[in-house]
Amino acid sequence: MVEINIDATNLIVGRLASYVAKQALLGATVNILNCEKAIITGSPTQVREKYYHGIFQRGQPWRGPFISRMPDRFVRRMLRGMLDHNSPRGKNAYDRIMCYMGVPVQFKDAKLVSLGKKSSDLPTLRYQTIGELCTSLGGRV
């Protein structure tokens, strides 16, 4: 069993999610650290409005959809969209993915992998961090 520890600092969440989903489907255990520092691309006001509508204006609050406003759970929910979480294979893959805010003690000495392009590589990109988005939606980081 392979274990992959990924540092999500300044990584684009969509690209991170596609890589993590593929590795989880192949049988690897994936730990994503620093989820609050991952970025989501697009105009910050439009992204905020999209998730605000999904949380507060669609349906009734006690019936869903239930979208967490904690960054680690928010990223894990995004990862769920990349998997067929209703099938046994997708459910097992989803169970092998864990997201964390910051770096927990058990991963203090672990080697962290960073993937793909970072936001500093794309200077004209409009983005915001997942922590900022969750805070603007009423969550606590």
C-alpha atoms as a PDB file:
ATOM      1  CA  MET A   1       0.000   0.000   0.000  1.00  0.00           C
ATOM      2  CA  VAL A   2       1.480   3.322  -1.109  1.00  0.00           C
ATOM      3  CA  GLU A   3       1.008   6.428   1.012  1.00  0.00           C
ATOM      4  CA  ILE A   4       1.242   9.857  -0.632  1.00  0.00           C
ATOM      5  CA  ASN A   5       1.474  13.052   1.440  1.00  0.00           C
ATOM      6  CA  ILE A   6       0.667  16.179  -0.561  1.00  0.00           C
ATOM      7  CA  ASP A   7       1.285  19.775   0.472  1.00  0.00           C
ATOM      8  CA  ALA A   8      -1.624  21.761  -1.001  1.00  0.00           C
ATOM      9  CA  THR A   9      -0.057  25.186  -0.454  1.00  0.00           C
ATOM     10  CA  ASN A  10      -0.730  27.354  -3.545  1.00  0.00           C
ATOM     11  CA  LEU A  11      -1.996  24.397  -5.584  1.00  0.00           C
ATOM     12  CA  ILE A  12      -5.089  24.740  -7.762  1.00  0.00           C
ATOM     13  CA  VAL A  13      -7.764  22.532  -6.203  1.00  0.00           C
ATOM     14  CA  GLY A  14      -9.157  21.132  -9.448  1.00  0.00           C
ATOM     15  CA  ARG A  15      -5.782  19.901 -10.642  1.00  0.00           C
ATOM     16  CA  LEU A  16      -5.012  18.554  -7.184  1.00  0.00           C
ATOM     17  CA  ALA A  17      -8.357  16.747  -7.061  1.00  0.00           C
ATOM     18  CA  SER A  18      -7.907  14.997 -10.393  1.00  0.00           C
ATOM     19  CA  TYR A  19      -4.455  13.706  -9.380  1.00  0.00           C
ATOM     20  CA  VAL A  20      -5.627  12.577  -5.935  1.00  0.00           C
ATOM     21  CA  ALA A  21      -8.717  10.823  -7.310  1.00  0.00           C
ATOM     22  CA  LYS A  22      -6.651   8.859  -9.808  1.00  0.00           C
ATOM     23  CA  GLN A  23      -4.120   7.800  -7.164  1.00  0.00           C
ATOM     24  CA  ALA A  24      -6.882   6.760  -4.754  1.00  0.00           C
ATOM     25  CA  LEU A  25      -8.587   4.683  -7.451  1.00  0.00           C
ATOM     26  CA  LEU A  26      -5.249   2.969  -8.092  1.00  0.00           C
ATOM     27  CA  GLY A  27      -5.104   1.964  -4.401  1.00  0.00           C
ATOM     28  CA  ALA A  28      -2.880   4.601  -2.799  1.00  0.00           C
ATOM     29  CA  THR A  29      -3.642   6.236   0.532  1.00  0.00           C
ATOM     30  CA  VAL A  30      -3.530  10.006   0.029  1.00  0.00           C
ATOM     31  CA  ASN A  31      -3.118  12.630   2.765  1.00  0.00           C
ATOM     32  CA  ILE A  32      -3.590  16.265   1.780  1.00  0.00           C
ATOM     33  CA  LEU A  33      -2.032  18.774   4.163  1.00  0.00           C
ATOM     34  CA  ASN A  34      -2.516  22.565   4.393  1.00  0.00           C
ATOM     35  CA  CYS A  35      -5.941  22.461   2.725  1.00  0.00           C
ATOM     36  CA  GLU A  36      -6.741  26.012   3.792  1.00  0.00           C
ATOM     37  CA  LYS A  37      -3.837  27.269   1.633  1.00  0.00           C
ATOM     38  CA  ALA A  38      -5.015  25.607  -1.591  1.00  0.00           C
ATOM     39  CA  ILE A  39      -6.462  27.982  -4.172  1.00  0.00           C
ATOM     40  CA  ILE A  40      -9.611  28.063  -6.249  1.00  0.00           C
ATOM     41  CA  THR A  41      -9.427  29.976  -9.523  1.00  0.00           C
ATOM     42  CA  GLY A  42     -11.904  32.489 -10.870  1.00  0.00           C
ATOM     43  CA  SER A  43     -13.242  35.837  -9.837  1.00  0.00           C
ATOM     44  CA  PRO A  44     -13.455  35.816  -6.032  1.00  0.00           C
ATOM     45  CA  THR A  45     -16.901  37.427  -6.003  1.00  0.00           C
ATOM     46  CA  GLN A  46     -18.351  34.971  -8.533  1.00  0.00           C
ATOM     47  CA  VAL A  47     -16.901  31.941  -6.750  1.00  0.00           C
ATOM     48  CA  ARG A  48     -18.210  33.201  -3.410  1.00  0.00           C
ATOM     49  CA  GLU A  49     -21.687  33.793  -4.909  1.00  0.00           C
ATOM     50  CA  LYS A  50     -21.727  30.289  -6.398  1.00  0.00           C
ATOM     51  CA  TYR A  51     -21.062  28.587  -3.069  1.00  0.00           C
ATOM     52  CA  TYR A  52     -23.232  31.032  -1.124  1.00  0.00           C
ATOM     53  CA  HIS A  53     -26.132  30.148  -3.401  1.00  0.00           C
ATOM     54  CA  GLY A  54     -25.424  26.433  -2.940  1.00  0.00           C
ATOM     55  CA  ILE A  55     -25.341  26.679   0.847  1.00  0.00           C
ATOM     56  CA  PHE A  56     -27.960  29.284   1.749  1.00  0.00           C
ATOM     57  CA  GLN A  57     -30.375  29.822  -1.142  1.00  0.00           C
ATOM     58  CA  ARG A  58     -30.913  26.419  -2.746  1.00  0.00           C
ATOM     59  CA  GLY A  59     -33.494  24.262  -1.024  1.00  0.00           C
ATOM     60  CA  GLN A  60     -34.055  24.344   2.705  1.00  0.00           C
ATOM     61  CA  PRO A  61     -31.240  24.454   5.271  1.00  0.00           C
ATOM     62  CA  TRP A  62     -32.344  21.327   7.121  1.00  0.00           C
ATOM     63  CA  ARG A  63     -32.693  19.226   3.948  1.00  0.00           C
ATOM     64  CA  GLY A  64     -29.448  20.007   2.137  1.00  0.00           C
ATOM     65  CA  PRO A  65     -27.246  20.215   0.217  1.00  0.00           C
ATOM     66  CA  PHE A  66     -24.895  20.200   3.177  1.00  0.00           C
ATOM     67  CA  ILE A  67     -21.629  21.889   2.237  1.00  0.00           C
ATOM     68  CA  SER A  68     -19.191  22.274   5.114  1.00  0.00           C
ATOM     69  CA  ARG A  69     -17.464  25.590   5.660  1.00  0.00           C
ATOM     70  CA  MET A  70     -14.317  24.094   7.168  1.00  0.00           C
ATOM     71  CA  PRO A  71     -11.476  24.087   4.601  1.00  0.00           C
ATOM     72  CA  ASP A  72     -10.440  20.446   5.052  1.00  0.00           C
ATOM     73  CA  ARG A  73     -13.997  19.154   4.679  1.00  0.00           C
ATOM     74  CA  PHE A  74     -14.646  21.590   1.823  1.00  0.00           C
ATOM     75  CA  VAL A  75     -11.689  20.190  -0.162  1.00  0.00           C
ATOM     76  CA  ARG A  76     -12.708  16.602   0.649  1.00  0.00           C
ATOM     77  CA  ARG A  77     -16.195  17.320  -0.699  1.00  0.00           C
ATOM     78  CA  MET A  78     -14.628  18.661  -3.909  1.00  0.00           C
ATOM     79  CA  LEU A  79     -12.620  15.448  -4.189  1.00  0.00           C
ATOM     80  CA  ARG A  80     -15.801  13.431  -3.826  1.00  0.00           C
ATOM     81  CA  GLY A  81     -17.017  14.988  -7.075  1.00  0.00           C
ATOM     82  CA  MET A  82     -14.093  13.394  -8.923  1.00  0.00           C
ATOM     83  CA  LEU A  83     -15.026   9.895  -7.723  1.00  0.00           C
ATOM     84  CA  ASP A  84     -18.009   7.645  -8.279  1.00  0.00           C
ATOM     85  CA  HIS A  85     -18.691   7.641  -4.535  1.00  0.00           C
ATOM     86  CA  ASN A  86     -21.832   5.505  -4.856  1.00  0.00           C
ATOM     87  CA  SER A  87     -20.012   2.464  -6.236  1.00  0.00           C
ATOM     88  CA  PRO A  88     -17.974   0.190  -3.924  1.00  0.00           C
ATOM     89  CA  ARG A  89     -14.713   1.008  -5.743  1.00  0.00           C
ATOM     90  CA  GLY A  90     -15.311   4.757  -5.495  1.00  0.00           C
ATOM     91  CA  LYS A  91     -16.375   4.528  -1.856  1.00  0.00           C
ATOM     92  CA  ASN A  92     -13.196   2.622  -0.970  1.00  0.00           C
ATOM     93  CA  ALA A  93     -11.110   5.181  -2.860  1.00  0.00           C
ATOM     94  CA  TYR A  94     -12.876   8.048  -1.054  1.00  0.00           C
ATOM     95  CA  ASP A  95     -12.173   6.388   2.305  1.00  0.00           C
ATOM     96  CA  ARG A  96      -8.441   6.348   1.471  1.00  0.00           C
ATOM     97  CA  ILE A  97      -8.340  10.154   1.075  1.00  0.00           C
ATOM     98  CA  MET A  98      -7.821  12.340   4.143  1.00  0.00           C
ATOM     99  CA  CYS A  99      -7.562  16.133   4.252  1.00  0.00           C
ATOM    100  CA  TYR A 100      -6.001  18.171   7.060  1.00  0.00           C
ATOM    101  CA  MET A 101      -5.722  21.823   8.013  1.00  0.00           C
ATOM    102  CA  GLY A 102      -2.080  22.593   8.670  1.00  0.00           C
ATOM    103  CA  VAL A 103       0.427  19.790   9.237  1.00  0.00           C
ATOM    104  CA  PRO A 104      -0.565  17.312  11.995  1.00  0.00           C
ATOM    105  CA  VAL A 105       2.046  15.860  14.340  1.00  0.00           C
ATOM    106  CA  GLN A 106       2.110  12.434  12.655  1.00  0.00           C
ATOM    107  CA  PHE A 107       3.166  14.059   9.340  1.00  0.00           C
ATOM    108  CA  LYS A 108       5.732  16.456  10.838  1.00  0.00           C
ATOM    109  CA  ASP A 109       8.730  14.468   9.545  1.00  0.00           C
ATOM    110  CA  ALA A 110       7.065  12.982   6.459  1.00  0.00           C
ATOM    111  CA  LYS A 111       8.229  13.898   2.975  1.00  0.00           C
ATOM    112  CA  LEU A 112       5.620  16.152   1.357  1.00  0.00           C
ATOM    113  CA  VAL A 113       4.967  16.132  -2.375  1.00  0.00           C
ATOM    114  CA  SER A 114       3.935  19.263  -4.257  1.00  0.00           C
ATOM    115  CA  LEU A 115       2.447  18.932  -7.723  1.00  0.00           C
ATOM    116  CA  GLY A 116       1.685  20.930 -10.815  1.00  0.00           C
ATOM    117  CA  LYS A 117       1.687  24.645 -11.352  1.00  0.00           C
ATOM    118  CA  LYS A 118       1.439  26.924  -8.379  1.00  0.00           C
ATOM    119  CA  SER A 119      -0.313  30.278  -8.302  1.00  0.00           C
ATOM    120  CA  SER A 120       3.069  32.039  -8.341  1.00  0.00           C
ATOM    121  CA  ASP A 121       3.727  30.459 -11.764  1.00  0.00           C
ATOM    122  CA  LEU A 122       0.599  32.143 -13.163  1.00  0.00           C
ATOM    123  CA  PRO A 123       0.901  35.876 -12.337  1.00  0.00           C
ATOM    124  CA  THR A 124      -2.328  37.048 -14.022  1.00  0.00           C
ATOM    125  CA  LEU A 125      -4.510  34.367 -12.464  1.00  0.00           C
ATOM    126  CA  ARG A 126      -7.479  35.522 -10.385  1.00  0.00           C
ATOM    127  CA  TYR A 127      -7.921  33.307  -7.358  1.00  0.00           C
ATOM    128  CA  GLN A 128      -8.559  33.047  -3.649  1.00  0.00           C
ATOM    129  CA  THR A 129      -7.528  30.499  -1.060  1.00  0.00           C
ATOM    130  CA  ILE A 130      -9.955  27.927   0.264  1.00  0.00           C
ATOM    131  CA  GLY A 131      -9.453  29.401   3.752  1.00  0.00           C
ATOM    132  CA  GLU A 132     -10.552  32.848   2.538  1.00  0.00           C
ATOM    133  CA  LEU A 133     -13.560  31.380   0.740  1.00  0.00           C
ATOM    134  CA  CYS A 134     -14.689  29.383   3.762  1.00  0.00           C
ATOM    135  CA  THR A 135     -14.240  32.403   6.032  1.00  0.00           C
ATOM    136  CA  SER A 136     -16.335  34.574   3.711  1.00  0.00           C
ATOM    137  CA  LEU A 137     -19.082  31.916   3.787  1.00  0.00           C
ATOM    138  CA  GLY A 138     -19.173  32.061   7.592  1.00  0.00           C
ATOM    139  CA  GLY A 139     -16.764  29.283   8.529  1.00  0.00           C
ATOM    140  CA  ARG A 140     -13.923  29.419  11.019  1.00  0.00           C
ATOM    141  CA  VAL A 141     -10.395  28.578   9.910  1.00  0.00           C
END
